[in-house]
Amino acid sequence: MTDAGRLAYLPVPVSVDQKFADRLEASGRPESRYRFTGPCAEGGCPQWTGSACDVIDHLLDEPDEAERARLGLATADEDRSLPTCGIRRDCRWFSQRGAAACAACPAVVADVGGTATYRSIHNRGAVTSL
């Protein structure tokens, strides 16, 4: 997490083992400073629509211009060159939405201290039972 509250890209994936996790936990809630990745759970995730991840679709399709500016999202006519990213080849969002997902990625912080899911906050359809 940068001082500006955006996530930074890592050029190579970092494996998290117990020793690393313990070190992160010792300095506070790591989920508020880092976003961890794993394989997409698809139907096992409340953000899954049945065919796609609703988080990236909502983020790219729904915001008005003020929200886009607040999140730092590119507009259609802005350059969308791809940053160096260690997980792109396995990224659900990139496979679903391409370069636009990369531009939005740093604006998404997974844990800001609450218990709500993205879908419950944005009330987009029924939550899938787990």
C-alpha atoms as a PDB file:
ATOM      1  CA  MET A   1       0.000   0.000   0.000  1.00  0.00           C
ATOM      2  CA  THR A   2       1.377   3.399  -0.943  1.00  0.00           C
ATOM      3  CA  ASP A   3       1.053   6.484   1.260  1.00  0.00           C
ATOM      4  CA  ALA A   4      -1.659   7.644  -1.167  1.00  0.00           C
ATOM      5  CA  GLY A   5      -3.788   4.589  -0.289  1.00  0.00           C
ATOM      6  CA  ARG A   6      -3.307   2.728  -3.569  1.00  0.00           C
ATOM      7  CA  LEU A   7      -1.818  -0.693  -4.018  1.00  0.00           C
ATOM      8  CA  ALA A   8       1.524  -0.939  -5.765  1.00  0.00           C
ATOM      9  CA  TYR A   9       2.414  -3.636  -8.275  1.00  0.00           C
ATOM     10  CA  LEU A  10       5.049  -6.254  -7.548  1.00  0.00           C
ATOM     11  CA  PRO A  11       7.074  -7.342 -10.573  1.00  0.00           C
ATOM     12  CA  VAL A  12       7.265 -10.957  -9.392  1.00  0.00           C
ATOM     13  CA  PRO A  13       4.884 -12.940  -7.185  1.00  0.00           C
ATOM     14  CA  VAL A  14       5.871 -13.277  -3.533  1.00  0.00           C
ATOM     15  CA  SER A  15       5.065 -16.560  -1.815  1.00  0.00           C
ATOM     16  CA  VAL A  16       3.648 -16.172   1.659  1.00  0.00           C
ATOM     17  CA  ASP A  17       4.850 -18.762   4.140  1.00  0.00           C
ATOM     18  CA  GLN A  18       4.095 -18.859   7.873  1.00  0.00           C
ATOM     19  CA  LYS A  19       7.251 -16.940   8.829  1.00  0.00           C
ATOM     20  CA  PHE A  20       6.413 -14.141   6.382  1.00  0.00           C
ATOM     21  CA  ALA A  21       2.763 -14.107   7.497  1.00  0.00           C
ATOM     22  CA  ASP A  22       3.804 -13.855  11.152  1.00  0.00           C
ATOM     23  CA  ARG A  23       6.100 -10.916  10.345  1.00  0.00           C
ATOM     24  CA  LEU A  24       3.271  -9.114   8.524  1.00  0.00           C
ATOM     25  CA  GLU A  25       0.780  -9.813  11.322  1.00  0.00           C
ATOM     26  CA  ALA A  26       3.167  -8.390  13.928  1.00  0.00           C
ATOM     27  CA  SER A  27       2.812  -4.928  12.371  1.00  0.00           C
ATOM     28  CA  GLY A  28      -0.989  -4.890  12.240  1.00  0.00           C
ATOM     29  CA  ARG A  29      -3.653  -6.246   9.928  1.00  0.00           C
ATOM     30  CA  PRO A  30      -1.800  -7.188   6.722  1.00  0.00           C
ATOM     31  CA  GLU A  31      -5.042  -7.235   4.709  1.00  0.00           C
ATOM     32  CA  SER A  32      -5.307  -3.473   5.156  1.00  0.00           C
ATOM     33  CA  ARG A  33      -1.867  -2.940   3.612  1.00  0.00           C
ATOM     34  CA  TYR A  34      -1.580  -5.774   1.088  1.00  0.00           C
ATOM     35  CA  ARG A  35      -3.905  -7.579  -1.283  1.00  0.00           C
ATOM     36  CA  PHE A  36      -3.205 -11.277  -1.480  1.00  0.00           C
ATOM     37  CA  THR A  37      -4.072 -13.389  -4.483  1.00  0.00           C
ATOM     38  CA  GLY A  38      -4.990 -16.978  -5.111  1.00  0.00           C
ATOM     39  CA  PRO A  39      -6.874 -18.892  -7.757  1.00  0.00           C
ATOM     40  CA  CYS A  40     -10.344 -17.540  -8.540  1.00  0.00           C
ATOM     41  CA  ALA A  41     -12.929 -19.493  -6.533  1.00  0.00           C
ATOM     42  CA  GLU A  42     -15.652 -18.763  -9.118  1.00  0.00           C
ATOM     43  CA  GLY A  43     -18.925 -20.180  -7.724  1.00  0.00           C
ATOM     44  CA  GLY A  44     -17.388 -20.409  -4.247  1.00  0.00           C
ATOM     45  CA  CYS A  45     -17.140 -16.612  -4.047  1.00  0.00           C
ATOM     46  CA  PRO A  46     -20.018 -14.218  -3.312  1.00  0.00           C
ATOM     47  CA  GLN A  47     -18.693 -11.846  -5.998  1.00  0.00           C
ATOM     48  CA  TRP A  48     -19.124 -14.468  -8.771  1.00  0.00           C
ATOM     49  CA  THR A  49     -22.049 -13.728 -11.116  1.00  0.00           C
ATOM     50  CA  GLY A  50     -22.205 -17.204 -12.623  1.00  0.00           C
ATOM     51  CA  SER A  51     -19.881 -16.286 -15.462  1.00  0.00           C
ATOM     52  CA  ALA A  52     -17.567 -13.510 -14.246  1.00  0.00           C
ATOM     53  CA  CYS A  53     -16.176 -11.540 -11.308  1.00  0.00           C
ATOM     54  CA  ASP A  54     -18.618  -8.776 -10.427  1.00  0.00           C
ATOM     55  CA  VAL A  55     -15.997  -6.681  -8.630  1.00  0.00           C
ATOM     56  CA  ILE A  56     -14.053  -5.732 -11.752  1.00  0.00           C
ATOM     57  CA  ASP A  57     -17.176  -5.458 -13.903  1.00  0.00           C
ATOM     58  CA  HIS A  58     -18.809  -3.106 -11.405  1.00  0.00           C
ATOM     59  CA  LEU A  59     -15.662  -1.067 -10.977  1.00  0.00           C
ATOM     60  CA  LEU A  60     -15.194  -0.593 -14.720  1.00  0.00           C
ATOM     61  CA  ASP A  61     -18.834  -0.292 -15.805  1.00  0.00           C
ATOM     62  CA  GLU A  62     -20.672   1.552 -13.043  1.00  0.00           C
ATOM     63  CA  PRO A  63     -18.772   4.599 -11.724  1.00  0.00           C
ATOM     64  CA  ASP A  64     -19.646   8.077 -12.892  1.00  0.00           C
ATOM     65  CA  GLU A  65     -16.815  10.423 -13.874  1.00  0.00           C
ATOM     66  CA  ALA A  66     -16.398  11.791 -10.330  1.00  0.00           C
ATOM     67  CA  GLU A  67     -16.006   8.280  -8.919  1.00  0.00           C
ATOM     68  CA  ARG A  68     -13.624   7.331 -11.744  1.00  0.00           C
ATOM     69  CA  ALA A  69     -11.471  10.355 -10.899  1.00  0.00           C
ATOM     70  CA  ARG A  70     -11.558   9.561  -7.153  1.00  0.00           C
ATOM     71  CA  LEU A  71     -10.393   6.006  -7.846  1.00  0.00           C
ATOM     72  CA  GLY A  72      -7.798   7.139 -10.346  1.00  0.00           C
ATOM     73  CA  LEU A  73      -9.318   5.088 -13.167  1.00  0.00           C
ATOM     74  CA  ALA A  74      -8.337   5.823 -16.736  1.00  0.00           C
ATOM     75  CA  THR A  75     -10.913   7.199 -19.133  1.00  0.00           C
ATOM     76  CA  ALA A  76     -11.445   5.578 -22.530  1.00  0.00           C
ATOM     77  CA  ASP A  77      -9.077   7.974 -24.294  1.00  0.00           C
ATOM     78  CA  GLU A  78      -6.195   7.662 -21.802  1.00  0.00           C
ATOM     79  CA  ASP A  79      -3.166   5.456 -22.341  1.00  0.00           C
ATOM     80  CA  ARG A  80      -3.614   1.985 -20.913  1.00  0.00           C
ATOM     81  CA  SER A  81      -0.057   0.691 -21.099  1.00  0.00           C
ATOM     82  CA  LEU A  82       0.376  -2.341 -18.894  1.00  0.00           C
ATOM     83  CA  PRO A  83       2.424  -2.019 -15.717  1.00  0.00           C
ATOM     84  CA  THR A  84       4.863  -4.740 -14.749  1.00  0.00           C
ATOM     85  CA  CYS A  85       2.796  -7.299 -12.838  1.00  0.00           C
ATOM     86  CA  GLY A  86       3.803 -10.645 -11.407  1.00  0.00           C
ATOM     87  CA  ILE A  87       0.330 -12.243 -11.515  1.00  0.00           C
ATOM     88  CA  ARG A  88      -1.116 -11.083 -14.854  1.00  0.00           C
ATOM     89  CA  ARG A  89      -0.876 -14.495 -16.531  1.00  0.00           C
ATOM     90  CA  ASP A  90      -3.147 -15.959 -13.810  1.00  0.00           C
ATOM     91  CA  CYS A  91      -5.277 -12.889 -13.089  1.00  0.00           C
ATOM     92  CA  ARG A  92      -9.066 -13.372 -13.355  1.00  0.00           C
ATOM     93  CA  TRP A  93      -9.614  -9.650 -13.798  1.00  0.00           C
ATOM     94  CA  PHE A  94      -7.064  -9.379 -16.627  1.00  0.00           C
ATOM     95  CA  SER A  95      -8.470 -12.418 -18.444  1.00  0.00           C
ATOM     96  CA  GLN A  96     -11.955 -10.951 -18.055  1.00  0.00           C
ATOM     97  CA  ARG A  97     -11.354  -7.271 -18.859  1.00  0.00           C
ATOM     98  CA  GLY A  98      -7.792  -6.895 -20.194  1.00  0.00           C
ATOM     99  CA  ALA A  99      -5.750  -3.718 -19.767  1.00  0.00           C
ATOM    100  CA  ALA A 100      -8.660  -1.819 -18.225  1.00  0.00           C
ATOM    101  CA  ALA A 101      -8.524  -4.189 -15.246  1.00  0.00           C
ATOM    102  CA  CYS A 102      -4.838  -3.419 -14.753  1.00  0.00           C
ATOM    103  CA  ALA A 103      -5.601   0.282 -14.598  1.00  0.00           C
ATOM    104  CA  ALA A 104      -8.270  -0.288 -11.939  1.00  0.00           C
ATOM    105  CA  CYS A 105      -6.406  -2.874  -9.880  1.00  0.00           C
ATOM    106  CA  PRO A 106      -4.461  -0.511  -7.559  1.00  0.00           C
ATOM    107  CA  ALA A 107      -7.684   1.248  -6.557  1.00  0.00           C
ATOM    108  CA  VAL A 108      -9.119  -1.915  -5.004  1.00  0.00           C
ATOM    109  CA  VAL A 109      -8.268  -2.430  -1.348  1.00  0.00           C
ATOM    110  CA  ALA A 110      -9.700  -5.674  -0.066  1.00  0.00           C
ATOM    111  CA  ASP A 111      -9.863  -4.953   3.660  1.00  0.00           C
ATOM    112  CA  VAL A 112     -10.710  -1.549   4.999  1.00  0.00           C
ATOM    113  CA  GLY A 113     -11.836  -2.825   8.374  1.00  0.00           C
ATOM    114  CA  GLY A 114     -15.439  -3.885   7.794  1.00  0.00           C
ATOM    115  CA  THR A 115     -17.157  -7.212   7.346  1.00  0.00           C
ATOM    116  CA  ALA A 116     -19.249  -6.469   4.254  1.00  0.00           C
ATOM    117  CA  THR A 117     -18.518  -8.044   0.905  1.00  0.00           C
ATOM    118  CA  TYR A 118     -18.239  -6.035  -2.284  1.00  0.00           C
ATOM    119  CA  ARG A 119     -21.604  -7.387  -3.454  1.00  0.00           C
ATOM    120  CA  SER A 120     -23.383  -6.534  -0.201  1.00  0.00           C
ATOM    121  CA  ILE A 121     -22.114  -2.968  -0.371  1.00  0.00           C
ATOM    122  CA  HIS A 122     -23.158  -2.507  -3.972  1.00  0.00           C
ATOM    123  CA  ASN A 123     -26.306  -4.665  -3.752  1.00  0.00           C
ATOM    124  CA  ARG A 124     -25.934  -6.203  -7.194  1.00  0.00           C
ATOM    125  CA  GLY A 125     -28.017  -9.357  -7.275  1.00  0.00           C
ATOM    126  CA  ALA A 126     -28.341 -12.227  -4.869  1.00  0.00           C
ATOM    127  CA  VAL A 127     -25.327 -13.434  -2.969  1.00  0.00           C
ATOM    128  CA  THR A 128     -24.297 -16.953  -3.912  1.00  0.00           C
ATOM    129  CA  SER A 129     -24.591 -19.410  -1.043  1.00  0.00           C
ATOM    130  CA  LEU A 130     -21.284 -20.871   0.064  1.00  0.00           C
END
